[in-house]
Every structure is written in structure tokens, then in C-alpha cells.
Amino acid sequence: MLASKEILEFRRALSELERRVDQMHTEFGEYRYGQTQKMPEWDRLEKELLIFSRRKIFDLALSNERDRILFKFQNRKKIWLAWADEVHRAR
């Protein structure tokens, strides 16, 4: 029973991390189009993802889900940094 509780908590944590990655993408879009002046703090989210990625998980489906979210973050990070560069060059 303990393992299933841990798996459920891990699933919730994954879901929350993915939600935050999506939210960060929206915030960067607002930054890119001048709706906000402050660049989102992507580096803090990156640190949290790094710490989370080091957790041991023995469920293949959850491991694959974690990898998918980490990959999603890395791809979006490239986009965010390009947008930030674009904003800074325009100023």
C-alpha cells in the first residue's frame, strides 16, 4: 500500500511540474510581447526539476512521464532564451 501512495504522490508532483512548465511558457509569451516587464524566473524551476529528476522511481511509466516533462522543459527553455534575447535586442 505504501508503494501505491508514493506512486500517487509522484504522479501529482509530475502533474504539478508540467503545469508549472506550461504556466512559465505563458508567462514568457507575455514577457515577449511586452505585457510584463519582468522576465520569469525559469532558473528556479530548472533547479526544482533537477532535484526532482534525481529521485529514484521504479515504475517505467512514471519514469517515462518524468523524462517527457524534463524534455519538454529543455525544449521550451531554448524557446524562452531565444525570446529573452529577442526582447533584449529590441530594447
PDB file of N, CA and C in Angstrom:
ATOM      1  N   MET A   1       0.821  -1.199   0.000  1.00  0.00           N
ATOM      2  CA  MET A   1       0.000   0.000   0.000  1.00  0.00           C
ATOM      3  C   MET A   1       0.863   1.260   0.000  1.00  0.00           C
ATOM      4  N   LEU A   2       1.984   1.217   0.692  1.00  0.00           N
ATOM      5  CA  LEU A   2       2.865   2.366   0.758  1.00  0.00           C
ATOM      6  C   LEU A   2       3.388   2.734  -0.626  1.00  0.00           C
ATOM      7  N   ALA A   3       3.734   1.740  -1.405  1.00  0.00           N
ATOM      8  CA  ALA A   3       4.262   1.997  -2.745  1.00  0.00           C
ATOM      9  C   ALA A   3       3.220   2.712  -3.600  1.00  0.00           C
ATOM     10  N   SER A   4       1.963   2.307  -3.509  1.00  0.00           N
ATOM     11  CA  SER A   4       0.935   2.953  -4.320  1.00  0.00           C
ATOM     12  C   SER A   4       0.715   4.401  -3.873  1.00  0.00           C
ATOM     13  N   LYS A   5       0.870   4.666  -2.578  1.00  0.00           N
ATOM     14  CA  LYS A   5       0.755   6.035  -2.086  1.00  0.00           C
ATOM     15  C   LYS A   5       1.913   6.882  -2.625  1.00  0.00           C
ATOM     16  N   GLU A   6       3.110   6.327  -2.625  1.00  0.00           N
ATOM     17  CA  GLU A   6       4.271   7.034  -3.170  1.00  0.00           C
ATOM     18  C   GLU A   6       4.096   7.297  -4.665  1.00  0.00           C
ATOM     19  N   ILE A   7       3.568   6.327  -5.372  1.00  0.00           N
ATOM     20  CA  ILE A   7       3.336   6.486  -6.810  1.00  0.00           C
ATOM     21  C   ILE A   7       2.322   7.590  -7.062  1.00  0.00           C
ATOM     22  N   LEU A   8       1.255   7.614  -6.263  1.00  0.00           N
ATOM     23  CA  LEU A   8       0.240   8.650  -6.402  1.00  0.00           C
ATOM     24  C   LEU A   8       0.843  10.034  -6.136  1.00  0.00           C
ATOM     25  N   GLU A   9       1.658  10.157  -5.107  1.00  0.00           N
ATOM     26  CA  GLU A   9       2.314  11.427  -4.802  1.00  0.00           C
ATOM     27  C   GLU A   9       3.255  11.837  -5.935  1.00  0.00           C
ATOM     28  N   PHE A  10       3.964  10.870  -6.501  1.00  0.00           N
ATOM     29  CA  PHE A  10       4.874  11.149  -7.604  1.00  0.00           C
ATOM     30  C   PHE A  10       4.096  11.635  -8.825  1.00  0.00           C
ATOM     31  N   ARG A  11       2.955  10.987  -9.096  1.00  0.00           N
ATOM     32  CA  ARG A  11       2.099  11.417 -10.212  1.00  0.00           C
ATOM     33  C   ARG A  11       1.625  12.851 -10.016  1.00  0.00           C
ATOM     34  N   ARG A  12       1.198  13.168  -8.811  1.00  0.00           N
ATOM     35  CA  ARG A  12       0.735  14.531  -8.520  1.00  0.00           C
ATOM     36  C   ARG A  12       1.874  15.534  -8.704  1.00  0.00           C
ATOM     37  N   ALA A  13       3.044  15.171  -8.237  1.00  0.00           N
ATOM     38  CA  ALA A  13       4.199  16.061  -8.371  1.00  0.00           C
ATOM     39  C   ALA A  13       4.541  16.272  -9.852  1.00  0.00           C
ATOM     40  N   LEU A  14       4.483  15.217 -10.636  1.00  0.00           N
ATOM     41  CA  LEU A  14       4.736  15.339 -12.073  1.00  0.00           C
ATOM     42  C   LEU A  14       3.713  16.250 -12.735  1.00  0.00           C
ATOM     43  N   SER A  15       2.472  16.061 -12.371  1.00  0.00           N
ATOM     44  CA  SER A  15       1.396  16.876 -12.929  1.00  0.00           C
ATOM     45  C   SER A  15       1.608  18.345 -12.577  1.00  0.00           C
ATOM     46  N   GLU A  16       1.984  18.617 -11.352  1.00  0.00           N
ATOM     47  CA  GLU A  16       2.231  19.989 -10.906  1.00  0.00           C
ATOM     48  C   GLU A  16       3.431  20.596 -11.638  1.00  0.00           C
ATOM     49  N   LEU A  17       4.474  19.830 -11.818  1.00  0.00           N
ATOM     50  CA  LEU A  17       5.644  20.335 -12.548  1.00  0.00           C
ATOM     51  C   LEU A  17       5.303  20.653 -13.999  1.00  0.00           C
ATOM     52  N   GLU A  18       4.533  19.779 -14.618  1.00  0.00           N
ATOM     53  CA  GLU A  18       4.157  20.048 -16.010  1.00  0.00           C
ATOM     54  C   GLU A  18       3.274  21.286 -16.094  1.00  0.00           C
ATOM     55  N   ARG A  19       2.376  21.450 -15.140  1.00  0.00           N
ATOM     56  CA  ARG A  19       1.524  22.638 -15.104  1.00  0.00           C
ATOM     57  C   ARG A  19       2.389  23.897 -14.983  1.00  0.00           C
ATOM     58  N   ARG A  20       3.415  23.827 -14.152  1.00  0.00           N
ATOM     59  CA  ARG A  20       4.291  24.980 -13.956  1.00  0.00           C
ATOM     60  C   ARG A  20       5.123  25.281 -15.203  1.00  0.00           C
ATOM     61  N   VAL A  21       5.553  24.243 -15.922  1.00  0.00           N
ATOM     62  CA  VAL A  21       6.278  24.453 -17.183  1.00  0.00           C
ATOM     63  C   VAL A  21       5.359  25.164 -18.179  1.00  0.00           C
ATOM     64  N   ASP A  22       4.110  24.713 -18.278  1.00  0.00           N
ATOM     65  CA  ASP A  22       3.152  25.349 -19.183  1.00  0.00           C
ATOM     66  C   ASP A  22       2.860  26.793 -18.767  1.00  0.00           C
ATOM     67  N   GLN A  23       2.730  27.015 -17.468  1.00  0.00           N
ATOM     68  CA  GLN A  23       2.494  28.362 -16.954  1.00  0.00           C
ATOM     69  C   GLN A  23       3.683  29.268 -17.265  1.00  0.00           C
ATOM     70  N   MET A  24       4.877  28.748 -17.100  1.00  0.00           N
ATOM     71  CA  MET A  24       6.087  29.520 -17.390  1.00  0.00           C
ATOM     72  C   MET A  24       6.127  29.899 -18.867  1.00  0.00           C
ATOM     73  N   HIS A  25       5.676  29.006 -19.727  1.00  0.00           N
ATOM     74  CA  HIS A  25       5.648  29.286 -21.160  1.00  0.00           C
ATOM     75  C   HIS A  25       4.691  30.451 -21.446  1.00  0.00           C
ATOM     76  N   THR A  26       3.561  30.448 -20.787  1.00  0.00           N
ATOM     77  CA  THR A  26       2.597  31.540 -20.939  1.00  0.00           C
ATOM     78  C   THR A  26       3.194  32.854 -20.441  1.00  0.00           C
ATOM     79  N   GLU A  27       3.867  32.797 -19.296  1.00  0.00           N
ATOM     80  CA  GLU A  27       4.484  33.998 -18.736  1.00  0.00           C
ATOM     81  C   GLU A  27       5.576  34.544 -19.659  1.00  0.00           C
ATOM     82  N   PHE A  28       6.334  33.655 -20.279  1.00  0.00           N
ATOM     83  CA  PHE A  28       7.358  34.103 -21.219  1.00  0.00           C
ATOM     84  C   PHE A  28       6.728  34.722 -22.463  1.00  0.00           C
ATOM     85  N   GLY A  29       5.593  34.188 -22.883  1.00  0.00           N
ATOM     86  CA  GLY A  29       4.879  34.797 -24.005  1.00  0.00           C
ATOM     87  C   GLY A  29       4.453  36.217 -23.680  1.00  0.00           C
ATOM     88  N   GLU A  30       3.977  36.422 -22.456  1.00  0.00           N
ATOM     89  CA  GLU A  30       3.594  37.766 -22.019  1.00  0.00           C
ATOM     90  C   GLU A  30       4.814  38.686 -21.974  1.00  0.00           C
ATOM     91  N   TYR A  31       5.920  38.161 -21.529  1.00  0.00           N
ATOM     92  CA  TYR A  31       7.166  38.943 -21.483  1.00  0.00           C
ATOM     93  C   TYR A  31       7.620  39.302 -22.898  1.00  0.00           C
ATOM     94  N   ARG A  32       7.533  38.344 -23.784  1.00  0.00           N
ATOM     95  CA  ARG A  32       7.978  38.564 -25.167  1.00  0.00           C
ATOM     96  C   ARG A  32       7.181  39.678 -25.837  1.00  0.00           C
ATOM     97  N   TYR A  33       5.867  39.710 -25.578  1.00  0.00           N
ATOM     98  CA  TYR A  33       5.011  40.690 -26.236  1.00  0.00           C
ATOM     99  C   TYR A  33       4.815  41.959 -25.417  1.00  0.00           C
ATOM    100  N   GLY A  34       5.625  42.126 -24.367  1.00  0.00           N
ATOM    101  CA  GLY A  34       5.610  43.370 -23.617  1.00  0.00           C
ATOM    102  C   GLY A  34       4.453  43.536 -22.646  1.00  0.00           C
ATOM    103  N   GLN A  35       3.721  42.475 -22.378  1.00  0.00           N
ATOM    104  CA  GLN A  35       2.613  42.564 -21.429  1.00  0.00           C
ATOM    105  C   GLN A  35       3.114  42.612 -19.993  1.00  0.00           C
ATOM    106  N   THR A  36       4.348  42.202 -19.790  1.00  0.00           N
ATOM    107  CA  THR A  36       5.005  42.300 -18.494  1.00  0.00           C
ATOM    108  C   THR A  36       6.470  42.657 -18.733  1.00  0.00           C
ATOM    109  N   GLN A  37       7.057  43.364 -17.805  1.00  0.00           N
ATOM    110  CA  GLN A  37       8.433  43.815 -17.975  1.00  0.00           C
ATOM    111  C   GLN A  37       9.453  42.898 -17.308  1.00  0.00           C
ATOM    112  N   LYS A  38       8.991  42.091 -16.375  1.00  0.00           N
ATOM    113  CA  LYS A  38       9.898  41.224 -15.622  1.00  0.00           C
ATOM    114  C   LYS A  38       9.976  39.838 -16.273  1.00  0.00           C
ATOM    115  N   MET A  39      11.206  39.418 -16.552  1.00  0.00           N
ATOM    116  CA  MET A  39      11.399  38.099 -17.143  1.00  0.00           C
ATOM    117  C   MET A  39      11.091  37.024 -16.087  1.00  0.00           C
ATOM    118  N   PRO A  40      10.318  36.001 -16.446  1.00  0.00           N
ATOM    119  CA  PRO A  40      10.008  34.920 -15.498  1.00  0.00           C
ATOM    120  C   PRO A  40      11.268  34.217 -14.999  1.00  0.00           C
ATOM    121  N   GLU A  41      11.197  33.690 -13.802  1.00  0.00           N
ATOM    122  CA  GLU A  41      12.341  33.032 -13.168  1.00  0.00           C
ATOM    123  C   GLU A  41      12.406  31.547 -13.550  1.00  0.00           C
ATOM    124  N   TRP A  42      12.833  31.296 -14.767  1.00  0.00           N
ATOM    125  CA  TRP A  42      12.908  29.928 -15.266  1.00  0.00           C
ATOM    126  C   TRP A  42      13.994  29.130 -14.559  1.00  0.00           C
ATOM    127  N   ASP A  43      15.044  29.794 -14.084  1.00  0.00           N
ATOM    128  CA  ASP A  43      16.157  29.077 -13.475  1.00  0.00           C
ATOM    129  C   ASP A  43      15.762  28.410 -12.154  1.00  0.00           C
ATOM    130  N   ARG A  44      14.843  29.003 -11.425  1.00  0.00           N
ATOM    131  CA  ARG A  44      14.364  28.378 -10.189  1.00  0.00           C
ATOM    132  C   ARG A  44      13.583  27.087 -10.494  1.00  0.00           C
ATOM    133  N   LEU A  45      12.747  27.148 -11.520  1.00  0.00           N
ATOM    134  CA  LEU A  45      12.015  25.956 -11.933  1.00  0.00           C
ATOM    135  C   LEU A  45      12.983  24.885 -12.425  1.00  0.00           C
ATOM    136  N   GLU A  46      14.016  25.289 -13.122  1.00  0.00           N
ATOM    137  CA  GLU A  46      15.015  24.340 -13.610  1.00  0.00           C
ATOM    138  C   GLU A  46      15.690  23.615 -12.446  1.00  0.00           C
ATOM    139  N   LYS A  47      16.019  24.338 -11.387  1.00  0.00           N
ATOM    140  CA  LYS A  47      16.638  23.719 -10.213  1.00  0.00           C
ATOM    141  C   LYS A  47      15.705  22.711  -9.565  1.00  0.00           C
ATOM    142  N   GLU A  48      14.427  23.073  -9.463  1.00  0.00           N
ATOM    143  CA  GLU A  48      13.454  22.147  -8.890  1.00  0.00           C
ATOM    144  C   GLU A  48      13.322  20.886  -9.739  1.00  0.00           C
ATOM    145  N   LEU A  49      13.317  21.055 -11.049  1.00  0.00           N
ATOM    146  CA  LEU A  49      13.241  19.898 -11.945  1.00  0.00           C
ATOM    147  C   LEU A  49      14.480  19.023 -11.819  1.00  0.00           C
ATOM    148  N   LEU A  50      15.619  19.650 -11.656  1.00  0.00           N
ATOM    149  CA  LEU A  50      16.863  18.888 -11.496  1.00  0.00           C
ATOM    150  C   LEU A  50      16.815  18.044 -10.218  1.00  0.00           C
ATOM    151  N   ILE A  51      16.391  18.648  -9.140  1.00  0.00           N
ATOM    152  CA  ILE A  51      16.271  17.914  -7.871  1.00  0.00           C
ATOM    153  C   ILE A  51      15.258  16.778  -8.023  1.00  0.00           C
ATOM    154  N   PHE A  52      14.138  17.075  -8.668  1.00  0.00           N
ATOM    155  CA  PHE A  52      13.100  16.062  -8.863  1.00  0.00           C
ATOM    156  C   PHE A  52      13.594  14.925  -9.752  1.00  0.00           C
ATOM    157  N   SER A  53      14.412  15.253 -10.734  1.00  0.00           N
ATOM    158  CA  SER A  53      14.890  14.230 -11.678  1.00  0.00           C
ATOM    159  C   SER A  53      15.806  13.212 -11.010  1.00  0.00           C
ATOM    160  N   ARG A  54      16.377  13.587  -9.882  1.00  0.00           N
ATOM    161  CA  ARG A  54      17.290  12.683  -9.182  1.00  0.00           C
ATOM    162  C   ARG A  54      16.575  11.676  -8.296  1.00  0.00           C
ATOM    163  N   ARG A  55      15.286  11.843  -8.121  1.00  0.00           N
ATOM    164  CA  ARG A  55      14.540  10.908  -7.282  1.00  0.00           C
ATOM    165  C   ARG A  55      14.470   9.542  -7.964  1.00  0.00           C
ATOM    166  N   LYS A  56      14.611   8.519  -7.172  1.00  0.00           N
ATOM    167  CA  LYS A  56      14.527   7.152  -7.692  1.00  0.00           C
ATOM    168  C   LYS A  56      13.068   6.799  -7.940  1.00  0.00           C
ATOM    169  N   ILE A  57      12.825   6.206  -9.102  1.00  0.00           N
ATOM    170  CA  ILE A  57      11.478   5.719  -9.423  1.00  0.00           C
ATOM    171  C   ILE A  57      11.633   4.393 -10.153  1.00  0.00           C
ATOM    172  N   PHE A  58      10.862   3.435  -9.712  1.00  0.00           N
ATOM    173  CA  PHE A  58      10.982   2.087 -10.272  1.00  0.00           C
ATOM    174  C   PHE A  58       9.799   1.715 -11.155  1.00  0.00           C
ATOM    175  N   ASP A  59       8.932   2.671 -11.413  1.00  0.00           N
ATOM    176  CA  ASP A  59       7.785   2.457 -12.290  1.00  0.00           C
ATOM    177  C   ASP A  59       8.157   3.008 -13.669  1.00  0.00           C
ATOM    178  N   LEU A  60       8.161   2.150 -14.672  1.00  0.00           N
ATOM    179  CA  LEU A  60       8.604   2.546 -16.008  1.00  0.00           C
ATOM    180  C   LEU A  60       7.729   3.652 -16.591  1.00  0.00           C
ATOM    181  N   ALA A  61       6.423   3.554 -16.411  1.00  0.00           N
ATOM    182  CA  ALA A  61       5.525   4.572 -16.963  1.00  0.00           C
ATOM    183  C   ALA A  61       5.788   5.936 -16.330  1.00  0.00           C
ATOM    184  N   LEU A  62       5.987   5.962 -15.027  1.00  0.00           N
ATOM    185  CA  LEU A  62       6.282   7.229 -14.353  1.00  0.00           C
ATOM    186  C   LEU A  62       7.649   7.764 -14.743  1.00  0.00           C
ATOM    187  N   SER A  63       8.594   6.877 -14.898  1.00  0.00           N
ATOM    188  CA  SER A  63       9.925   7.290 -15.333  1.00  0.00           C
ATOM    189  C   SER A  63       9.863   7.919 -16.724  1.00  0.00           C
ATOM    190  N   ASN A  64       9.098   7.315 -17.612  1.00  0.00           N
ATOM    191  CA  ASN A  64       8.928   7.864 -18.960  1.00  0.00           C
ATOM    192  C   ASN A  64       8.214   9.213 -18.926  1.00  0.00           C
ATOM    193  N   GLU A  65       7.227   9.336 -18.051  1.00  0.00           N
ATOM    194  CA  GLU A  65       6.490  10.590 -17.904  1.00  0.00           C
ATOM    195  C   GLU A  65       7.428  11.697 -17.393  1.00  0.00           C
ATOM    196  N   ARG A  66       8.244  11.360 -16.415  1.00  0.00           N
ATOM    197  CA  ARG A  66       9.217  12.326 -15.889  1.00  0.00           C
ATOM    198  C   ARG A  66      10.167  12.763 -17.000  1.00  0.00           C
ATOM    199  N   ASP A  67      10.669  11.814 -17.767  1.00  0.00           N
ATOM    200  CA  ASP A  67      11.582  12.138 -18.862  1.00  0.00           C
ATOM    201  C   ASP A  67      10.914  13.034 -19.902  1.00  0.00           C
ATOM    202  N   ARG A  68       9.638  12.786 -20.167  1.00  0.00           N
ATOM    203  CA  ARG A  68       8.892  13.595 -21.133  1.00  0.00           C
ATOM    204  C   ARG A  68       8.783  15.046 -20.651  1.00  0.00           C
ATOM    205  N   ILE A  69       8.503  15.219 -19.367  1.00  0.00           N
ATOM    206  CA  ILE A  69       8.373  16.562 -18.811  1.00  0.00           C
ATOM    207  C   ILE A  69       9.723  17.274 -18.796  1.00  0.00           C
ATOM    208  N   LEU A  70      10.776  16.562 -18.466  1.00  0.00           N
ATOM    209  CA  LEU A  70      12.117  17.155 -18.488  1.00  0.00           C
ATOM    210  C   LEU A  70      12.505  17.567 -19.911  1.00  0.00           C
ATOM    211  N   PHE A  71      12.176  16.726 -20.873  1.00  0.00           N
ATOM    212  CA  PHE A  71      12.456  17.044 -22.270  1.00  0.00           C
ATOM    213  C   PHE A  71      11.648  18.266 -22.711  1.00  0.00           C
ATOM    214  N   LYS A  72      10.393  18.310 -22.291  1.00  0.00           N
ATOM    215  CA  LYS A  72       9.519  19.442 -22.607  1.00  0.00           C
ATOM    216  C   LYS A  72      10.118  20.734 -22.046  1.00  0.00           C
ATOM    217  N   PHE A  73      10.593  20.675 -20.811  1.00  0.00           N
ATOM    218  CA  PHE A  73      11.202  21.857 -20.204  1.00  0.00           C
ATOM    219  C   PHE A  73      12.422  22.298 -21.000  1.00  0.00           C
ATOM    220  N   GLN A  74      13.290  21.369 -21.358  1.00  0.00           N
ATOM    221  CA  GLN A  74      14.510  21.725 -22.085  1.00  0.00           C
ATOM    222  C   GLN A  74      14.196  22.348 -23.443  1.00  0.00           C
ATOM    223  N   ASN A  75      13.203  21.815 -24.135  1.00  0.00           N
ATOM    224  CA  ASN A  75      12.824  22.394 -25.429  1.00  0.00           C
ATOM    225  C   ASN A  75      12.252  23.792 -25.256  1.00  0.00           C
ATOM    226  N   ARG A  76      11.401  23.950 -24.256  1.00  0.00           N
ATOM    227  CA  ARG A  76      10.809  25.271 -24.032  1.00  0.00           C
ATOM    228  C   ARG A  76      11.855  26.262 -23.523  1.00  0.00           C
ATOM    229  N   LYS A  77      12.813  25.781 -22.762  1.00  0.00           N
ATOM    230  CA  LYS A  77      13.877  26.666 -22.273  1.00  0.00           C
ATOM    231  C   LYS A  77      14.623  27.288 -23.449  1.00  0.00           C
ATOM    232  N   LYS A  78      14.890  26.507 -24.481  1.00  0.00           N
ATOM    233  CA  LYS A  78      15.540  27.038 -25.678  1.00  0.00           C
ATOM    234  C   LYS A  78      14.699  28.150 -26.297  1.00  0.00           C
ATOM    235  N   ILE A  79      13.404  27.927 -26.346  1.00  0.00           N
ATOM    236  CA  ILE A  79      12.485  28.933 -26.887  1.00  0.00           C
ATOM    237  C   ILE A  79      12.516  30.186 -26.013  1.00  0.00           C
ATOM    238  N   TRP A  80      12.431  29.999 -24.686  1.00  0.00           N
ATOM    239  CA  TRP A  80      12.404  31.140 -23.765  1.00  0.00           C
ATOM    240  C   TRP A  80      13.665  31.985 -23.881  1.00  0.00           C
ATOM    241  N   LEU A  81      14.806  31.325 -23.947  1.00  0.00           N
ATOM    242  CA  LEU A  81      16.051  32.070 -24.040  1.00  0.00           C
ATOM    243  C   LEU A  81      16.148  32.830 -25.361  1.00  0.00           C
ATOM    244  N   ALA A  82      15.622  32.242 -26.422  1.00  0.00           N
ATOM    245  CA  ALA A  82      15.592  32.946 -27.710  1.00  0.00           C
ATOM    246  C   ALA A  82      14.666  34.157 -27.621  1.00  0.00           C
ATOM    247  N   TRP A  83      13.520  33.994 -26.968  1.00  0.00           N
ATOM    248  CA  TRP A  83      12.590  35.113 -26.795  1.00  0.00           C
ATOM    249  C   TRP A  83      13.222  36.211 -25.950  1.00  0.00           C
ATOM    250  N   ALA A  84      13.902  35.818 -24.867  1.00  0.00           N
ATOM    251  CA  ALA A  84      14.544  36.809 -23.991  1.00  0.00           C
ATOM    252  C   ALA A  84      15.606  37.576 -24.776  1.00  0.00           C
ATOM    253  N   ASP A  85      16.370  36.872 -25.582  1.00  0.00           N
ATOM    254  CA  ASP A  85      17.381  37.532 -26.404  1.00  0.00           C
ATOM    255  C   ASP A  85      16.725  38.494 -27.383  1.00  0.00           C
ATOM    256  N   GLU A  86      15.626  38.080 -27.965  1.00  0.00           N
ATOM    257  CA  GLU A  86      14.885  38.907 -28.902  1.00  0.00           C
ATOM    258  C   GLU A  86      14.384  40.196 -28.212  1.00  0.00           C
ATOM    259  N   VAL A  87      13.879  40.068 -27.010  1.00  0.00           N
ATOM    260  CA  VAL A  87      13.379  41.218 -26.254  1.00  0.00           C
ATOM    261  C   VAL A  87      14.528  42.171 -25.911  1.00  0.00           C
ATOM    262  N   HIS A  88      15.649  41.621 -25.488  1.00  0.00           N
ATOM    263  CA  HIS A  88      16.779  42.453 -25.097  1.00  0.00           C
ATOM    264  C   HIS A  88      17.411  43.159 -26.297  1.00  0.00           C
ATOM    265  N   ARG A  89      17.431  42.530 -27.449  1.00  0.00           N
ATOM    266  CA  ARG A  89      17.948  43.180 -28.645  1.00  0.00           C
ATOM    267  C   ARG A  89      17.029  44.300 -29.113  1.00  0.00           C
ATOM    268  N   ALA A  90      15.731  44.128 -28.880  1.00  0.00           N
ATOM    269  CA  ALA A  90      14.751  45.131 -29.328  1.00  0.00           C
ATOM    270  C   ALA A  90      14.783  46.382 -28.439  1.00  0.00           C
ATOM    271  N   ARG A  91      15.287  46.262 -27.237  1.00  0.00           N
ATOM    272  CA  ARG A  91      15.287  47.414 -26.303  1.00  0.00           C
ATOM    273  C   ARG A  91      16.456  48.302 -26.496  1.00  0.00           C
TER     274      ARG A  91
END
